[in-house]
N, C-alpha and C. Protein backbone atom coordinates (compact mmCIF):
# COMPACT_ATOMS: atom_id res chain seq x y z
N UNK A 1 22.47 66.59 21.69
CA UNK A 1 22.39 64.99 21.14
C UNK A 1 22.05 63.94 22.41
N UNK A 2 21.12 63.27 22.11
CA UNK A 2 20.81 62.16 23.10
C UNK A 2 21.72 61.09 23.04
N UNK A 3 22.82 60.76 23.80
CA UNK A 3 23.48 59.89 23.68
C UNK A 3 23.05 58.80 24.51
N UNK A 4 22.08 59.01 25.59
CA UNK A 4 21.27 58.02 26.29
C UNK A 4 20.34 57.15 25.43
N UNK A 5 19.95 57.50 24.07
CA UNK A 5 19.04 56.93 23.21
C UNK A 5 19.84 55.82 22.61
N UNK A 6 21.43 55.89 22.68
CA UNK A 6 22.09 55.15 21.63
C UNK A 6 21.77 53.59 22.01
N UNK A 7 21.75 52.74 21.18
CA UNK A 7 21.29 51.29 21.39
C UNK A 7 22.25 50.46 20.60
N UNK A 8 22.99 51.08 19.61
CA UNK A 8 24.15 50.44 18.87
C UNK A 8 25.12 51.49 18.16
N UNK A 9 26.25 51.19 18.64
CA UNK A 9 27.63 52.02 18.35
C UNK A 9 28.26 51.29 17.23
N UNK A 10 28.09 51.58 16.09
CA UNK A 10 28.70 51.11 14.86
C UNK A 10 29.83 52.08 14.59
N UNK A 11 31.13 51.20 14.36
CA UNK A 11 32.30 51.90 14.30
C UNK A 11 33.26 51.28 13.12
N UNK A 12 33.80 52.25 12.37
CA UNK A 12 34.72 52.04 11.13
C UNK A 12 36.06 51.52 11.90
N UNK A 13 36.64 50.97 11.10
CA UNK A 13 37.88 50.19 11.86
C UNK A 13 39.19 51.22 11.37
N UNK A 14 39.60 51.00 10.13
CA UNK A 14 41.04 51.56 9.59
C UNK A 14 40.84 53.16 10.00
N UNK A 15 41.50 53.74 10.83
CA UNK A 15 41.69 55.18 10.96
C UNK A 15 40.65 55.36 12.24
N UNK A 16 39.72 54.74 12.61
CA UNK A 16 38.85 55.10 13.78
C UNK A 16 39.01 54.09 14.88
N UNK A 17 39.15 52.74 14.58
CA UNK A 17 39.31 51.83 15.95
C UNK A 17 40.93 51.91 15.86
N UNK A 18 41.58 52.04 14.65
CA UNK A 18 43.04 51.71 14.68
C UNK A 18 43.82 53.36 14.18
N UNK A 19 44.88 53.44 13.95
CA UNK A 19 45.62 54.60 13.65
C UNK A 19 45.57 54.70 12.21
N UNK A 20 44.95 53.80 11.29
CA UNK A 20 45.00 53.79 9.96
C UNK A 20 46.14 52.96 9.35
N UNK A 21 47.03 52.67 10.34
CA UNK A 21 48.36 51.84 9.61
C UNK A 21 48.03 50.46 9.27
N UNK A 22 48.41 50.11 8.21
CA UNK A 22 48.04 48.64 7.77
C UNK A 22 49.40 47.95 7.39
N UNK A 23 49.87 47.29 8.14
CA UNK A 23 51.22 46.53 8.16
C UNK A 23 50.85 45.15 7.31
N UNK A 24 51.65 45.04 5.98
CA UNK A 24 51.70 43.80 5.25
C UNK A 24 52.82 43.02 5.54
N UNK A 25 52.96 41.81 5.91
CA UNK A 25 53.88 40.86 6.21
C UNK A 25 53.74 39.71 5.86
N UNK A 26 54.85 38.87 5.87
CA UNK A 26 54.85 37.34 5.23
C UNK A 26 53.41 36.49 5.78
N UNK A 27 53.09 37.18 7.00
CA UNK A 27 51.98 36.24 7.70
C UNK A 27 50.49 36.91 7.06
N UNK A 28 50.74 37.94 6.70
CA UNK A 28 49.51 38.69 6.15
C UNK A 28 49.55 40.07 6.83
N UNK A 29 48.18 40.62 7.15
CA UNK A 29 48.15 42.07 7.37
C UNK A 29 47.84 42.15 8.96
N UNK A 30 48.56 43.16 9.90
CA UNK A 30 48.74 43.22 10.86
C UNK A 30 47.83 44.71 11.09
N UNK A 31 47.40 44.88 12.31
CA UNK A 31 46.77 46.03 12.59
C UNK A 31 47.12 46.29 13.99
N UNK A 32 47.00 47.68 14.38
CA UNK A 32 47.26 47.88 16.11
C UNK A 32 46.06 48.56 16.47
N UNK A 33 45.50 47.99 17.67
CA UNK A 33 44.31 48.49 18.69
C UNK A 33 44.81 48.95 19.68
N UNK A 34 44.08 50.29 20.12
CA UNK A 34 44.11 50.67 21.56
C UNK A 34 43.43 49.65 22.64
N UNK A 35 44.12 49.46 23.86
CA UNK A 35 43.65 48.57 24.77
C UNK A 35 42.43 49.85 25.54
N UNK A 36 42.60 50.94 25.62
CA UNK A 36 41.75 51.89 26.12
C UNK A 36 40.22 51.95 25.25
N UNK A 37 40.57 51.89 24.05
CA UNK A 37 39.20 51.70 23.02
C UNK A 37 38.71 50.33 23.32
N UNK A 38 39.32 49.27 23.52
CA UNK A 38 38.85 48.02 23.70
C UNK A 38 37.97 47.99 25.12
N UNK A 39 38.61 48.62 26.16
CA UNK A 39 38.14 48.65 27.47
C UNK A 39 36.69 49.50 27.39
N UNK A 40 36.45 50.45 26.80
CA UNK A 40 35.35 51.28 26.43
C UNK A 40 34.30 50.60 25.61
N UNK A 41 34.72 49.56 24.54
CA UNK A 41 33.77 48.95 23.89
C UNK A 41 33.19 47.82 25.03
N UNK A 42 34.08 46.82 25.65
CA UNK A 42 33.77 46.13 26.60
C UNK A 42 32.73 46.55 27.56
N UNK A 43 32.69 47.78 27.95
CA UNK A 43 32.11 48.46 28.96
C UNK A 43 30.54 48.71 28.26
N UNK A 44 30.53 49.24 27.02
CA UNK A 44 29.30 49.40 26.13
C UNK A 44 28.41 48.13 26.33
N UNK A 45 29.30 47.20 25.89
CA UNK A 45 28.87 45.64 25.64
C UNK A 45 27.91 45.59 27.11
N UNK A 46 28.77 45.41 28.11
CA UNK A 46 28.24 45.02 29.42
C UNK A 46 27.09 45.86 30.02
N UNK A 47 26.93 46.93 29.11
CA UNK A 47 25.56 47.86 29.80
C UNK A 47 24.68 47.94 28.72
N UNK A 48 24.59 46.57 27.83
CA UNK A 48 23.37 46.51 27.00
C UNK A 48 23.58 47.33 25.78
N UNK A 49 24.80 48.24 25.45
CA UNK A 49 24.74 48.69 24.06
C UNK A 49 25.47 47.81 23.16
N UNK A 50 24.78 47.60 22.08
CA UNK A 50 25.32 46.78 20.98
C UNK A 50 26.48 47.34 20.18
N UNK A 51 27.66 46.73 19.80
CA UNK A 51 28.62 47.04 19.23
C UNK A 51 28.76 46.85 17.73
N UNK A 52 29.16 47.31 16.68
CA UNK A 52 29.64 46.70 15.55
C UNK A 52 30.63 47.29 14.78
N UNK A 53 31.49 46.37 14.09
CA UNK A 53 32.37 46.70 13.28
C UNK A 53 32.11 46.99 11.89
N UNK A 54 32.39 48.03 11.42
CA UNK A 54 31.81 48.45 9.95
C UNK A 54 32.96 48.91 8.98
N UNK A 55 33.58 47.95 8.37
CA UNK A 55 34.75 48.36 7.52
C UNK A 55 34.86 48.04 6.11
N UNK A 56 35.31 48.98 5.00
CA UNK A 56 35.64 48.42 3.96
C UNK A 56 36.54 47.19 3.92
N UNK A 57 37.23 46.85 4.75
CA UNK A 57 38.25 45.61 4.54
C UNK A 57 37.79 44.79 5.41
N UNK A 58 38.34 43.51 5.08
CA UNK A 58 37.99 42.30 6.17
C UNK A 58 39.25 41.50 6.31
N UNK A 59 39.80 42.04 7.20
CA UNK A 59 41.29 41.27 7.91
C UNK A 59 40.78 40.37 9.00
N UNK A 60 41.70 39.31 9.03
CA UNK A 60 41.68 38.38 10.27
C UNK A 60 42.09 38.94 11.49
N UNK A 61 42.95 40.05 11.54
CA UNK A 61 43.00 40.68 12.73
C UNK A 61 42.14 41.76 13.20
N UNK A 62 41.15 42.03 12.33
CA UNK A 62 39.92 42.83 12.78
C UNK A 62 38.90 41.59 13.42
N UNK A 63 38.83 40.45 12.68
CA UNK A 63 37.89 39.53 13.38
C UNK A 63 38.34 38.97 14.69
N UNK A 64 39.83 38.94 14.57
CA UNK A 64 40.36 38.68 15.99
C UNK A 64 40.04 39.54 17.23
N UNK A 65 40.06 40.75 16.82
CA UNK A 65 40.06 42.05 17.81
C UNK A 65 38.31 41.82 18.33
N UNK A 66 37.37 41.62 17.11
CA UNK A 66 36.24 41.76 17.63
C UNK A 66 35.99 40.36 18.48
N UNK A 67 36.57 39.20 18.35
CA UNK A 67 36.22 38.25 18.88
C UNK A 67 36.78 38.51 20.59
N UNK A 68 38.04 38.86 20.68
CA UNK A 68 38.49 39.44 21.88
C UNK A 68 37.52 40.23 22.72
N UNK A 69 36.79 40.90 22.06
CA UNK A 69 36.42 42.10 22.76
C UNK A 69 34.69 41.65 22.98
N UNK A 70 34.48 40.39 22.35
CA UNK A 70 32.71 39.87 22.41
C UNK A 70 32.15 40.98 21.53
N UNK A 71 32.41 41.38 20.28
CA UNK A 71 31.70 42.05 19.38
C UNK A 71 31.38 41.14 18.52
N UNK A 72 29.96 40.97 18.37
CA UNK A 72 29.71 39.81 17.50
C UNK A 72 28.98 40.50 16.01
N UNK A 73 28.74 41.58 15.83
CA UNK A 73 28.18 42.20 14.94
C UNK A 73 29.28 42.80 13.83
N UNK A 74 29.36 42.15 12.79
CA UNK A 74 30.43 42.50 11.92
C UNK A 74 29.91 42.59 10.32
N UNK A 75 30.21 44.08 9.92
CA UNK A 75 30.03 44.26 8.59
C UNK A 75 31.41 44.35 7.88
N UNK A 76 31.99 43.45 7.74
CA UNK A 76 33.42 43.60 7.10
C UNK A 76 33.36 43.31 5.64
N UNK A 77 34.02 44.03 4.92
CA UNK A 77 33.90 44.17 3.30
C UNK A 77 32.97 45.01 2.78
N UNK A 78 32.45 45.80 3.66
CA UNK A 78 31.19 46.47 3.32
C UNK A 78 31.60 47.43 2.42
N UNK A 79 30.98 47.47 1.19
CA UNK A 79 31.10 48.44 0.02
C UNK A 79 29.90 49.66 0.36
N UNK A 80 29.14 49.53 1.10
CA UNK A 80 28.14 50.45 1.31
C UNK A 80 27.84 50.51 2.89
N UNK A 81 28.20 51.22 3.50
CA UNK A 81 28.51 51.46 4.94
C UNK A 81 27.06 51.93 5.38
N UNK A 82 26.53 52.80 4.55
CA UNK A 82 25.03 53.07 4.96
C UNK A 82 24.03 52.00 4.96
N UNK A 83 24.06 51.18 3.92
CA UNK A 83 23.18 50.04 3.90
C UNK A 83 23.54 49.25 5.10
N UNK A 84 24.63 48.92 5.37
CA UNK A 84 25.17 48.00 6.45
C UNK A 84 24.73 48.66 7.74
N UNK A 85 24.52 50.13 7.89
CA UNK A 85 24.06 50.62 9.26
C UNK A 85 22.66 50.19 9.21
N UNK A 86 21.71 50.54 8.08
CA UNK A 86 20.33 50.25 8.10
C UNK A 86 19.83 48.90 8.38
N UNK A 87 20.91 47.87 7.67
CA UNK A 87 20.65 46.43 8.11
C UNK A 87 20.87 46.04 9.40
N UNK A 88 21.86 46.60 10.04
CA UNK A 88 22.28 46.43 11.30
C UNK A 88 20.90 46.55 12.43
N UNK A 89 20.58 48.25 11.98
CA UNK A 89 19.27 48.44 12.88
C UNK A 89 18.07 47.69 12.60
N UNK A 90 17.95 47.29 11.37
CA UNK A 90 16.59 46.49 11.14
C UNK A 90 16.76 45.10 11.80
N UNK A 91 18.13 44.38 11.89
CA UNK A 91 18.44 43.28 12.50
C UNK A 91 18.06 43.36 14.03
N UNK A 92 18.47 44.55 14.73
CA UNK A 92 18.26 44.69 15.97
C UNK A 92 17.13 45.18 16.33
N UNK A 93 16.12 45.68 15.17
CA UNK A 93 14.82 46.07 15.62
C UNK A 93 14.68 47.46 16.23
N UNK A 94 15.90 48.57 15.85
CA UNK A 94 15.97 49.46 16.65
C UNK A 94 15.72 50.64 15.62
N UNK A 95 15.48 51.69 15.78
CA UNK A 95 15.30 52.80 14.83
C UNK A 95 16.82 53.61 14.52
N UNK A 96 17.04 54.14 13.41
CA UNK A 96 18.38 54.88 12.96
C UNK A 96 18.76 55.85 13.79
N UNK A 97 17.76 56.52 14.68
CA UNK A 97 17.85 57.43 15.49
C UNK A 97 18.75 56.94 16.75
N UNK A 98 18.67 55.57 16.98
CA UNK A 98 19.19 54.97 18.02
C UNK A 98 20.55 54.40 17.76
N UNK A 99 21.05 54.88 16.59
CA UNK A 99 22.62 54.37 16.06
C UNK A 99 23.44 55.56 16.28
N UNK A 100 24.56 55.13 16.66
CA UNK A 100 25.76 56.33 16.70
C UNK A 100 26.83 55.66 15.67
N UNK A 101 27.25 56.37 14.70
CA UNK A 101 28.13 55.60 13.66
C UNK A 101 29.43 56.74 13.79
N UNK A 102 30.55 56.27 13.96
CA UNK A 102 31.71 56.75 14.22
C UNK A 102 32.94 56.41 13.02
N UNK A 103 33.36 57.20 12.37
CA UNK A 103 34.41 57.23 11.17
C UNK A 103 35.40 58.24 10.83
N UNK A 104 35.93 58.03 9.89
CA UNK A 104 37.11 59.31 9.90
C UNK A 104 37.30 59.60 8.50
N UNK A 105 36.63 59.01 7.38
CA UNK A 105 37.09 59.16 6.09
C UNK A 105 35.84 59.27 5.28
N UNK A 106 35.90 59.86 4.24
CA UNK A 106 34.73 60.16 3.07
C UNK A 106 33.81 58.90 2.95
N UNK A 107 34.32 57.63 2.98
CA UNK A 107 33.46 56.47 2.80
C UNK A 107 32.51 56.17 3.80
N UNK A 108 32.82 56.99 5.03
CA UNK A 108 31.92 56.93 6.23
C UNK A 108 30.93 58.10 6.40
N UNK A 109 30.76 58.80 5.29
CA UNK A 109 29.93 60.05 5.60
C UNK A 109 28.51 59.59 5.31
N UNK A 110 28.14 58.53 4.43
CA UNK A 110 26.70 58.12 4.23
C UNK A 110 26.28 57.62 5.47
N UNK A 111 27.15 56.60 5.90
CA UNK A 111 26.62 56.04 7.21
C UNK A 111 26.33 56.74 8.48
N UNK A 112 27.40 58.03 8.29
CA UNK A 112 27.12 59.06 9.52
C UNK A 112 25.79 59.76 9.05
N UNK A 113 25.29 59.78 7.80
CA UNK A 113 24.14 60.77 7.59
C UNK A 113 22.71 59.88 7.74
N UNK A 114 22.95 58.52 8.04
CA UNK A 114 21.85 57.75 8.31
C UNK A 114 21.50 57.55 9.50
N UNK A 115 22.72 57.76 10.48
CA UNK A 115 22.93 57.36 11.94
C UNK A 115 22.11 58.54 12.66
N UNK A 116 21.62 58.28 13.88
CA UNK A 116 21.15 59.35 14.58
C UNK A 116 22.25 60.58 15.11
N UNK A 117 23.42 59.88 15.32
CA UNK A 117 24.21 60.73 15.83
C UNK A 117 25.65 60.08 15.31
N UNK A 118 26.35 61.02 14.96
CA UNK A 118 27.85 60.77 14.10
C UNK A 118 29.00 61.07 15.02
N UNK A 119 29.91 60.56 14.68
CA UNK A 119 31.25 60.91 15.50
C UNK A 119 32.50 60.31 14.76
N UNK A 120 33.55 61.32 15.04
CA UNK A 120 34.82 61.03 14.17
C UNK A 120 35.80 61.34 15.48
N UNK A 121 37.15 60.76 15.11
CA UNK A 121 38.51 60.86 15.79
C UNK A 121 38.80 62.33 15.50
N UNK A 122 39.93 63.07 16.25
CA UNK A 122 40.25 64.43 16.19
C UNK A 122 40.80 64.49 14.55
N UNK A 123 41.73 63.32 14.38
CA UNK A 123 42.27 63.44 13.02
C UNK A 123 41.46 62.97 11.67
N UNK A 124 40.34 63.01 12.07
CA UNK A 124 39.37 62.61 10.56
C UNK A 124 39.78 63.77 9.58
N UNK A 125 39.33 63.32 8.29
CA UNK A 125 39.52 64.31 7.38
C UNK A 125 38.40 65.20 7.26
N UNK A 126 38.91 66.68 7.07
CA UNK A 126 37.73 67.95 7.21
C UNK A 126 36.56 67.58 6.95
N UNK A 127 36.12 66.96 5.92
CA UNK A 127 34.94 66.74 5.35
C UNK A 127 34.11 66.23 6.26
N UNK A 128 34.54 65.05 7.07
CA UNK A 128 33.97 64.30 7.82
C UNK A 128 33.90 65.17 9.37
N UNK A 129 34.74 65.72 9.57
CA UNK A 129 34.65 66.82 10.89
C UNK A 129 33.53 67.44 10.72
N UNK A 130 33.15 68.10 9.34
CA UNK A 130 32.25 69.23 9.08
C UNK A 130 30.91 68.45 8.99
N UNK A 131 30.81 67.06 9.03
CA UNK A 131 29.58 66.42 8.81
C UNK A 131 29.10 65.90 10.19
N UNK A 132 30.14 65.58 10.98
CA UNK A 132 29.64 64.61 12.35
C UNK A 132 29.06 65.57 13.09
N UNK A 133 28.39 65.04 14.47
CA UNK A 133 27.84 65.48 15.23
C UNK A 133 28.96 66.09 16.34
N UNK A 134 29.74 65.03 16.66
CA UNK A 134 30.90 65.35 17.66
C UNK A 134 32.12 64.90 17.29
N UNK A 135 33.45 65.65 17.54
CA UNK A 135 34.43 65.37 17.00
C UNK A 135 35.32 64.95 18.14
N UNK A 136 36.19 63.90 18.66
CA UNK A 136 36.70 63.42 19.73
C UNK A 136 37.92 64.25 19.88
N UNK A 137 38.56 64.38 20.99
CA UNK A 137 39.74 65.11 21.38
C UNK A 137 41.01 64.24 21.16
N UNK A 138 40.73 63.00 20.85
CA UNK A 138 41.81 61.96 20.32
C UNK A 138 41.66 61.75 19.08
N UNK A 139 42.77 61.13 18.62
CA UNK A 139 43.09 60.50 17.26
C UNK A 139 42.49 58.97 17.31
N UNK A 140 42.18 58.90 15.86
CA UNK A 140 41.91 57.24 15.84
C UNK A 140 43.15 56.44 16.14
N UNK A 141 42.61 55.27 16.78
CA UNK A 141 43.37 54.14 17.49
C UNK A 141 44.05 54.72 18.69
N UNK A 142 43.87 55.84 19.31
CA UNK A 142 44.47 56.29 20.50
C UNK A 142 43.46 57.07 21.44
N UNK A 143 42.27 56.33 21.45
CA UNK A 143 41.32 56.50 22.53
C UNK A 143 40.40 57.20 22.01
N UNK A 144 39.73 57.34 20.86
CA UNK A 144 38.87 58.21 20.43
C UNK A 144 37.60 57.47 20.50
N UNK A 145 37.77 56.27 20.38
CA UNK A 145 36.48 55.34 20.56
C UNK A 145 36.04 55.33 21.71
N UNK A 146 37.02 55.17 22.86
CA UNK A 146 36.54 55.40 24.39
C UNK A 146 36.18 56.57 24.84
N UNK A 147 36.55 57.55 24.36
CA UNK A 147 35.80 58.98 24.76
C UNK A 147 34.32 58.91 24.22
N UNK A 148 34.21 58.45 23.00
CA UNK A 148 32.71 58.45 22.70
C UNK A 148 31.71 57.36 23.42
N UNK A 149 32.33 56.41 23.67
CA UNK A 149 32.12 55.45 24.54
C UNK A 149 31.52 55.91 25.95
N UNK A 150 32.49 56.77 26.57
CA UNK A 150 32.40 57.13 27.79
C UNK A 150 31.07 58.27 27.83
N UNK A 151 31.04 59.20 26.60
CA UNK A 151 29.88 59.72 26.51
C UNK A 151 28.33 59.05 26.39
N UNK A 152 28.59 58.15 25.78
CA UNK A 152 27.07 57.24 25.97
C UNK A 152 26.84 56.84 27.16
N UNK A 153 28.03 56.15 27.75
CA UNK A 153 27.90 55.49 29.27
C UNK A 153 27.66 56.45 30.23
N UNK A 154 28.07 57.74 30.09
CA UNK A 154 27.79 58.88 31.25
C UNK A 154 26.17 59.30 30.98
N UNK A 155 25.73 59.32 29.87
CA UNK A 155 24.39 59.48 29.52
C UNK A 155 23.24 58.64 30.12
N UNK A 156 23.81 57.46 29.84
CA UNK A 156 22.94 56.30 30.67
C UNK A 156 23.26 56.26 32.33
N UNK A 157 23.95 57.00 32.65
CA UNK A 157 24.26 57.03 34.29
C UNK A 157 25.18 55.92 34.74
N UNK A 158 26.04 55.54 33.81
CA UNK A 158 26.94 54.38 34.13
C UNK A 158 28.40 55.10 34.72
């Protein structure tokens, strides 16, 4: 796998960037994000790797996290993650071979299949683990995104 070629790190949110828990309260939805994952995302952005959040859901908390980290590419409410990944690559003018998609559940498999490299957290469903290029040692929402970010950064010499 050529992590050095990665120009776009597209990541699912629920179960990958979070631990998959969605808390509904009187003020709306609340999600929990890892500061370690956030630091990895910020380092990717600082080193010229674009980051996109690609999620079936569109929560205010996801938009807030993206804003806090400086992530400007959002495909939230995406019913077709593979199409979203293709549109992102086209928008950025990069080949799909330069895209890494990370997800954890069956809805993510089509996006994994169009991306040049695919990754998942340790606690992803078995079908996803069997589909993707690399499985992180950490669970979703607990450093898995940071692990994959580090692979990209190490390959780039950062």
